[in-house]
Amino acid sequence: MEASLRKIANSYQDLNIDWVRTGEGEMLLTEPNPGASLLDVGRRTDVWVGTDNRVYWTEALQVGHEEDLQRAQSEGVRLIPEYTEAFRGGNQGEAGELQIIDTYWGIPNLEGEMIIHGNSMSPKYLEGVVSL
């Protein structure tokens, strides 16, 4: 068992191995929250972000109302549009109706997001998954 725990610890350096052994304490050794400093506008929500072989929790903003959108933009919050239509390798050159924005997300350190539709990328990406 110890050899397995060492493998896990080497692969997931933010993971608290004592938590794995006992279930007590914090799951992660450090839980950064880059979103804590985001403007208080829209709806705050918790999201799990996976990047570079690590997963971390942060706060994010979901902005859907025009007033909140304008305020966030005027305050310099970087917003990521979420389109209602499926991702097709990019929306450049698509008809206007395929570029309807459903909501905006403010998630620190991320460039964009897409909702996976269909099963063409399974099993790695399942339908309905939001890929950041």
N, C-alpha and C. Protein backbone atom coordinates (compact mmCIF):
# COMPACT_ATOMS: atom_id res chain seq x y z
N MET A 1 0.82 -1.20 0.00
CA MET A 1 0.00 0.00 0.00
C MET A 1 0.87 1.26 0.00
N GLU A 2 1.95 1.25 0.76
CA GLU A 2 2.81 2.43 0.82
C GLU A 2 3.42 2.76 -0.54
N ALA A 3 3.78 1.74 -1.29
CA ALA A 3 4.33 1.97 -2.63
C ALA A 3 3.30 2.66 -3.52
N SER A 4 2.06 2.23 -3.41
CA SER A 4 0.98 2.86 -4.19
C SER A 4 0.77 4.30 -3.76
N LEU A 5 0.83 4.55 -2.46
CA LEU A 5 0.67 5.92 -1.96
C LEU A 5 1.81 6.81 -2.44
N ARG A 6 3.03 6.28 -2.49
CA ARG A 6 4.16 7.06 -3.00
C ARG A 6 3.97 7.41 -4.47
N LYS A 7 3.46 6.45 -5.24
CA LYS A 7 3.18 6.72 -6.66
C LYS A 7 2.15 7.83 -6.80
N ILE A 8 1.10 7.74 -6.00
CA ILE A 8 0.05 8.77 -6.03
C ILE A 8 0.64 10.11 -5.64
N ALA A 9 1.43 10.13 -4.55
CA ALA A 9 2.02 11.38 -4.07
C ALA A 9 2.93 12.00 -5.12
N ASN A 10 3.68 11.18 -5.85
CA ASN A 10 4.57 11.70 -6.89
C ASN A 10 3.79 12.24 -8.08
N SER A 11 2.66 11.62 -8.38
CA SER A 11 1.86 12.06 -9.53
C SER A 11 1.00 13.27 -9.21
N TYR A 12 0.52 13.36 -7.98
CA TYR A 12 -0.39 14.44 -7.57
C TYR A 12 0.20 15.14 -6.36
N GLN A 13 1.12 16.05 -6.62
CA GLN A 13 1.90 16.65 -5.54
C GLN A 13 1.09 17.57 -4.64
N ASP A 14 -0.07 18.04 -5.09
CA ASP A 14 -0.92 18.87 -4.24
C ASP A 14 -1.84 18.04 -3.35
N LEU A 15 -1.88 16.74 -3.57
CA LEU A 15 -2.77 15.86 -2.81
C LEU A 15 -2.18 15.55 -1.44
N ASN A 16 -3.00 15.68 -0.41
CA ASN A 16 -2.61 15.39 0.96
C ASN A 16 -2.71 13.87 1.17
N ILE A 17 -1.58 13.20 1.25
CA ILE A 17 -1.57 11.74 1.37
C ILE A 17 -2.18 11.30 2.70
N ASP A 18 -2.05 12.10 3.76
CA ASP A 18 -2.73 11.76 5.02
C ASP A 18 -4.24 11.72 4.82
N TRP A 19 -4.76 12.61 3.99
CA TRP A 19 -6.19 12.59 3.69
C TRP A 19 -6.56 11.30 2.96
N VAL A 20 -5.69 10.85 2.03
CA VAL A 20 -5.95 9.60 1.31
C VAL A 20 -5.97 8.43 2.29
N ARG A 21 -5.03 8.41 3.23
CA ARG A 21 -4.94 7.32 4.21
C ARG A 21 -6.13 7.29 5.16
N THR A 22 -6.48 8.48 5.70
CA THR A 22 -7.44 8.51 6.82
C THR A 22 -8.78 9.16 6.48
N GLY A 23 -8.81 9.97 5.42
CA GLY A 23 -10.02 10.71 5.11
C GLY A 23 -10.19 11.95 5.95
N GLU A 24 -9.19 12.27 6.76
CA GLU A 24 -9.26 13.44 7.65
C GLU A 24 -8.39 14.57 7.11
N GLY A 25 -8.80 15.80 7.45
CA GLY A 25 -8.05 16.97 7.02
C GLY A 25 -8.48 17.43 5.63
N GLU A 26 -7.67 18.30 5.07
CA GLU A 26 -7.95 18.85 3.75
C GLU A 26 -7.47 17.89 2.66
N MET A 27 -8.23 17.78 1.58
CA MET A 27 -7.85 16.90 0.48
C MET A 27 -6.58 17.40 -0.21
N LEU A 28 -6.46 18.70 -0.38
CA LEU A 28 -5.29 19.27 -1.06
C LEU A 28 -4.38 19.95 -0.06
N LEU A 29 -3.07 19.86 -0.30
CA LEU A 29 -2.11 20.51 0.57
C LEU A 29 -2.27 22.02 0.51
N THR A 30 -2.48 22.52 -0.68
CA THR A 30 -2.73 23.95 -0.86
C THR A 30 -3.95 24.07 -1.75
N GLU A 31 -4.87 24.87 -1.35
CA GLU A 31 -6.06 25.09 -2.17
C GLU A 31 -6.07 26.54 -2.62
N PRO A 32 -5.40 26.82 -3.73
CA PRO A 32 -5.41 28.20 -4.21
C PRO A 32 -6.81 28.59 -4.66
N ASN A 33 -7.13 29.83 -4.48
CA ASN A 33 -8.41 30.35 -4.94
C ASN A 33 -8.15 31.63 -5.70
N PRO A 34 -7.67 31.52 -6.94
CA PRO A 34 -7.39 32.72 -7.72
C PRO A 34 -8.61 33.60 -7.92
N GLY A 35 -9.81 33.03 -7.83
CA GLY A 35 -11.02 33.79 -8.07
C GLY A 35 -11.50 34.61 -6.90
N ALA A 36 -10.84 34.51 -5.75
CA ALA A 36 -11.28 35.24 -4.56
C ALA A 36 -11.27 36.74 -4.79
N SER A 37 -10.40 37.22 -5.66
CA SER A 37 -10.28 38.66 -5.88
C SER A 37 -11.17 39.17 -7.01
N LEU A 38 -11.99 38.29 -7.60
CA LEU A 38 -12.87 38.73 -8.69
C LEU A 38 -13.91 39.72 -8.18
N LEU A 39 -14.30 40.62 -9.04
CA LEU A 39 -15.32 41.61 -8.76
C LEU A 39 -16.61 40.93 -8.32
N ASP A 40 -17.32 41.54 -7.38
CA ASP A 40 -18.59 40.98 -6.91
C ASP A 40 -19.71 41.43 -7.84
N VAL A 41 -19.82 40.73 -8.96
CA VAL A 41 -20.84 41.03 -9.96
C VAL A 41 -21.31 39.71 -10.55
N GLY A 42 -22.55 39.65 -10.98
CA GLY A 42 -23.06 38.39 -11.52
C GLY A 42 -23.26 37.37 -10.41
N ARG A 43 -23.14 36.11 -10.77
CA ARG A 43 -23.32 35.02 -9.81
C ARG A 43 -21.98 34.35 -9.56
N ARG A 44 -21.57 34.31 -8.30
CA ARG A 44 -20.33 33.62 -7.93
C ARG A 44 -20.62 32.14 -7.81
N THR A 45 -19.72 31.33 -8.29
CA THR A 45 -19.90 29.89 -8.22
C THR A 45 -18.53 29.23 -8.07
N ASP A 46 -18.51 28.03 -7.55
CA ASP A 46 -17.26 27.29 -7.41
C ASP A 46 -17.07 26.40 -8.63
N VAL A 47 -15.87 26.34 -9.14
CA VAL A 47 -15.56 25.46 -10.27
C VAL A 47 -14.27 24.71 -9.98
N TRP A 48 -14.17 23.53 -10.55
CA TRP A 48 -12.93 22.76 -10.52
C TRP A 48 -12.28 22.93 -11.88
N VAL A 49 -11.01 23.27 -11.87
CA VAL A 49 -10.27 23.50 -13.10
C VAL A 49 -9.14 22.48 -13.18
N GLY A 50 -9.00 21.84 -14.32
CA GLY A 50 -7.91 20.90 -14.52
C GLY A 50 -6.95 21.43 -15.57
N THR A 51 -5.71 21.67 -15.18
CA THR A 51 -4.69 22.14 -16.13
C THR A 51 -3.36 21.49 -15.79
N ASP A 52 -2.57 21.21 -16.80
CA ASP A 52 -1.21 20.70 -16.60
C ASP A 52 -1.15 19.56 -15.58
N ASN A 53 -2.01 18.58 -15.73
CA ASN A 53 -2.04 17.40 -14.85
C ASN A 53 -2.33 17.71 -13.39
N ARG A 54 -3.00 18.83 -13.13
CA ARG A 54 -3.44 19.09 -11.76
C ARG A 54 -4.84 19.66 -11.80
N VAL A 55 -5.56 19.43 -10.73
CA VAL A 55 -6.93 19.91 -10.62
C VAL A 55 -6.99 20.81 -9.39
N TYR A 56 -7.61 21.98 -9.54
CA TYR A 56 -7.75 22.86 -8.39
C TYR A 56 -9.12 23.52 -8.41
N TRP A 57 -9.50 24.02 -7.25
CA TRP A 57 -10.78 24.68 -7.06
C TRP A 57 -10.55 26.18 -7.11
N THR A 58 -11.51 26.90 -7.66
CA THR A 58 -11.46 28.36 -7.63
C THR A 58 -12.88 28.90 -7.70
N GLU A 59 -13.02 30.13 -7.35
CA GLU A 59 -14.30 30.81 -7.55
C GLU A 59 -14.33 31.36 -8.96
N ALA A 60 -15.52 31.48 -9.51
CA ALA A 60 -15.69 32.03 -10.85
C ALA A 60 -16.93 32.92 -10.84
N LEU A 61 -17.02 33.77 -11.83
CA LEU A 61 -18.21 34.59 -12.03
C LEU A 61 -18.98 34.07 -13.22
N GLN A 62 -20.29 34.06 -13.08
CA GLN A 62 -21.15 33.77 -14.23
C GLN A 62 -21.97 35.03 -14.45
N VAL A 63 -21.80 35.64 -15.60
CA VAL A 63 -22.44 36.92 -15.90
C VAL A 63 -23.41 36.71 -17.04
N GLY A 64 -24.69 36.96 -16.79
CA GLY A 64 -25.70 36.76 -17.82
C GLY A 64 -26.54 37.99 -18.11
N HIS A 65 -26.59 38.93 -17.17
CA HIS A 65 -27.41 40.14 -17.37
C HIS A 65 -26.57 41.26 -17.97
N GLU A 66 -27.16 42.03 -18.83
CA GLU A 66 -26.46 43.09 -19.55
C GLU A 66 -25.79 44.08 -18.60
N GLU A 67 -26.49 44.47 -17.51
CA GLU A 67 -25.91 45.44 -16.57
C GLU A 67 -24.64 44.88 -15.92
N ASP A 68 -24.71 43.59 -15.51
CA ASP A 68 -23.54 42.96 -14.90
C ASP A 68 -22.40 42.84 -15.90
N LEU A 69 -22.74 42.53 -17.15
CA LEU A 69 -21.73 42.41 -18.20
C LEU A 69 -21.00 43.74 -18.39
N GLN A 70 -21.76 44.82 -18.50
CA GLN A 70 -21.15 46.13 -18.70
C GLN A 70 -20.28 46.53 -17.51
N ARG A 71 -20.76 46.25 -16.30
CA ARG A 71 -19.98 46.59 -15.11
C ARG A 71 -18.68 45.78 -15.06
N ALA A 72 -18.78 44.48 -15.32
CA ALA A 72 -17.58 43.63 -15.30
C ALA A 72 -16.57 44.10 -16.34
N GLN A 73 -17.05 44.42 -17.54
CA GLN A 73 -16.14 44.88 -18.59
C GLN A 73 -15.51 46.22 -18.23
N SER A 74 -16.29 47.12 -17.63
CA SER A 74 -15.75 48.43 -17.26
C SER A 74 -14.71 48.31 -16.14
N GLU A 75 -14.83 47.26 -15.31
CA GLU A 75 -13.87 47.03 -14.23
C GLU A 75 -12.67 46.21 -14.68
N GLY A 76 -12.67 45.78 -15.95
CA GLY A 76 -11.53 45.06 -16.49
C GLY A 76 -11.53 43.56 -16.23
N VAL A 77 -12.68 42.99 -15.86
CA VAL A 77 -12.76 41.54 -15.65
C VAL A 77 -12.70 40.86 -17.01
N ARG A 78 -11.80 39.92 -17.16
CA ARG A 78 -11.68 39.17 -18.41
C ARG A 78 -12.77 38.11 -18.45
N LEU A 79 -13.64 38.21 -19.44
CA LEU A 79 -14.78 37.31 -19.53
C LEU A 79 -14.65 36.37 -20.72
N ILE A 80 -15.08 35.13 -20.52
CA ILE A 80 -15.04 34.10 -21.55
C ILE A 80 -16.47 33.84 -22.00
N PRO A 81 -16.79 34.00 -23.28
CA PRO A 81 -18.17 33.73 -23.74
C PRO A 81 -18.45 32.23 -23.79
N GLU A 82 -19.67 31.86 -23.42
CA GLU A 82 -20.13 30.48 -23.58
C GLU A 82 -21.23 30.51 -24.62
N TYR A 83 -20.99 29.86 -25.76
CA TYR A 83 -21.95 29.85 -26.86
C TYR A 83 -23.00 28.77 -26.65
N THR A 84 -24.22 29.03 -27.12
CA THR A 84 -25.29 28.05 -26.98
C THR A 84 -25.12 26.89 -27.94
N GLU A 85 -24.48 27.11 -29.06
CA GLU A 85 -24.29 26.06 -30.06
C GLU A 85 -23.04 25.23 -29.76
N ALA A 86 -22.98 24.09 -30.39
CA ALA A 86 -21.86 23.16 -30.20
C ALA A 86 -20.56 23.75 -30.73
N PHE A 87 -19.47 23.32 -30.14
CA PHE A 87 -18.14 23.69 -30.60
C PHE A 87 -17.78 22.85 -31.82
N ARG A 88 -17.30 23.50 -32.84
CA ARG A 88 -16.95 22.79 -34.08
C ARG A 88 -15.53 23.12 -34.50
N GLY A 89 -14.61 23.01 -33.60
CA GLY A 89 -13.23 23.37 -33.95
C GLY A 89 -13.08 24.88 -34.06
N GLY A 90 -14.00 25.62 -33.49
CA GLY A 90 -13.99 27.08 -33.53
C GLY A 90 -15.25 27.60 -34.18
N ASN A 91 -15.65 28.79 -33.81
CA ASN A 91 -16.86 29.38 -34.36
C ASN A 91 -16.56 30.46 -35.40
N GLN A 92 -15.30 30.60 -35.80
CA GLN A 92 -14.95 31.59 -36.81
C GLN A 92 -15.62 31.24 -38.13
N GLY A 93 -16.21 32.22 -38.76
CA GLY A 93 -16.83 32.02 -40.06
C GLY A 93 -18.20 31.38 -40.01
N GLU A 94 -18.69 31.07 -38.81
CA GLU A 94 -20.02 30.47 -38.68
C GLU A 94 -21.09 31.55 -38.83
N ALA A 95 -22.27 31.14 -39.20
CA ALA A 95 -23.40 32.07 -39.30
C ALA A 95 -23.67 32.69 -37.93
N GLY A 96 -24.20 33.90 -37.94
CA GLY A 96 -24.46 34.64 -36.71
C GLY A 96 -25.29 33.88 -35.70
N GLU A 97 -26.28 33.11 -36.19
CA GLU A 97 -27.13 32.39 -35.25
C GLU A 97 -26.38 31.29 -34.49
N LEU A 98 -25.23 30.88 -34.99
CA LEU A 98 -24.44 29.88 -34.29
C LEU A 98 -23.49 30.52 -33.28
N GLN A 99 -23.48 31.84 -33.23
CA GLN A 99 -22.59 32.53 -32.31
C GLN A 99 -23.35 33.25 -31.20
N ILE A 100 -24.52 32.74 -30.85
CA ILE A 100 -25.30 33.34 -29.76
C ILE A 100 -24.62 33.01 -28.45
N ILE A 101 -24.36 34.04 -27.65
CA ILE A 101 -23.69 33.85 -26.37
C ILE A 101 -24.75 33.65 -25.30
N ASP A 102 -24.64 32.53 -24.59
CA ASP A 102 -25.59 32.18 -23.54
C ASP A 102 -25.25 32.90 -22.24
N THR A 103 -23.99 32.92 -21.88
CA THR A 103 -23.53 33.55 -20.65
C THR A 103 -22.05 33.85 -20.80
N TYR A 104 -21.50 34.59 -19.85
CA TYR A 104 -20.07 34.87 -19.81
C TYR A 104 -19.52 34.32 -18.50
N TRP A 105 -18.28 33.85 -18.55
CA TRP A 105 -17.61 33.34 -17.36
C TRP A 105 -16.37 34.16 -17.08
N GLY A 106 -16.16 34.48 -15.83
CA GLY A 106 -14.92 35.09 -15.37
C GLY A 106 -14.18 34.04 -14.55
N ILE A 107 -13.19 33.39 -15.14
CA ILE A 107 -12.41 32.36 -14.46
C ILE A 107 -10.94 32.73 -14.63
N PRO A 108 -10.24 33.00 -13.54
CA PRO A 108 -8.85 33.44 -13.64
C PRO A 108 -7.97 32.44 -14.38
N ASN A 109 -7.05 32.96 -15.16
CA ASN A 109 -5.99 32.19 -15.83
C ASN A 109 -6.49 31.25 -16.92
N LEU A 110 -7.68 31.47 -17.46
CA LEU A 110 -8.19 30.61 -18.53
C LEU A 110 -8.48 31.44 -19.77
N GLU A 111 -8.25 30.84 -20.92
CA GLU A 111 -8.41 31.51 -22.21
C GLU A 111 -9.80 31.35 -22.81
N GLY A 112 -10.44 30.21 -22.59
CA GLY A 112 -11.73 29.96 -23.21
C GLY A 112 -12.34 28.67 -22.72
N GLU A 113 -13.54 28.40 -23.18
CA GLU A 113 -14.24 27.18 -22.80
C GLU A 113 -15.14 26.73 -23.93
N MET A 114 -15.49 25.46 -23.91
CA MET A 114 -16.42 24.93 -24.90
C MET A 114 -17.20 23.78 -24.28
N ILE A 115 -18.44 23.66 -24.66
CA ILE A 115 -19.27 22.55 -24.21
C ILE A 115 -19.19 21.46 -25.27
N ILE A 116 -18.91 20.25 -24.86
CA ILE A 116 -18.78 19.13 -25.80
C ILE A 116 -20.17 18.60 -26.12
N HIS A 117 -20.51 18.54 -27.40
CA HIS A 117 -21.77 17.96 -27.86
C HIS A 117 -21.46 16.72 -28.69
N GLY A 118 -22.24 15.69 -28.50
CA GLY A 118 -22.02 14.46 -29.25
C GLY A 118 -20.94 13.60 -28.61
N ASN A 119 -20.66 12.48 -29.24
CA ASN A 119 -19.71 11.52 -28.68
C ASN A 119 -18.48 11.31 -29.55
N SER A 120 -18.20 12.23 -30.46
CA SER A 120 -17.08 12.03 -31.38
C SER A 120 -15.73 12.06 -30.67
N MET A 121 -15.66 12.65 -29.47
CA MET A 121 -14.39 12.71 -28.76
C MET A 121 -14.36 11.80 -27.53
N SER A 122 -15.36 10.92 -27.40
CA SER A 122 -15.35 10.02 -26.26
C SER A 122 -14.33 8.90 -26.51
N PRO A 123 -13.77 8.31 -25.52
CA PRO A 123 -14.14 8.41 -24.11
C PRO A 123 -13.43 9.54 -23.37
N LYS A 124 -12.49 10.24 -24.02
CA LYS A 124 -11.75 11.28 -23.30
C LYS A 124 -12.66 12.44 -22.89
N TYR A 125 -13.51 12.90 -23.80
CA TYR A 125 -14.43 13.99 -23.51
C TYR A 125 -15.85 13.49 -23.78
N LEU A 126 -16.65 13.44 -22.75
CA LEU A 126 -18.02 12.95 -22.88
C LEU A 126 -18.96 14.10 -23.21
N GLU A 127 -20.10 13.77 -23.79
CA GLU A 127 -21.09 14.79 -24.12
C GLU A 127 -21.52 15.54 -22.87
N GLY A 128 -21.60 16.86 -22.98
CA GLY A 128 -22.03 17.70 -21.87
C GLY A 128 -20.90 18.24 -21.01
N VAL A 129 -19.69 17.73 -21.19
CA VAL A 129 -18.55 18.20 -20.42
C VAL A 129 -18.18 19.60 -20.89
N VAL A 130 -17.83 20.47 -19.95
CA VAL A 130 -17.33 21.79 -20.30
C VAL A 130 -15.82 21.71 -20.26
N SER A 131 -15.20 21.91 -21.39
CA SER A 131 -13.75 21.84 -21.49
C SER A 131 -13.20 23.26 -21.45
N LEU A 132 -12.23 23.50 -20.56
CA LEU A 132 -11.66 24.83 -20.40
C LEU A 132 -10.27 24.88 -20.98
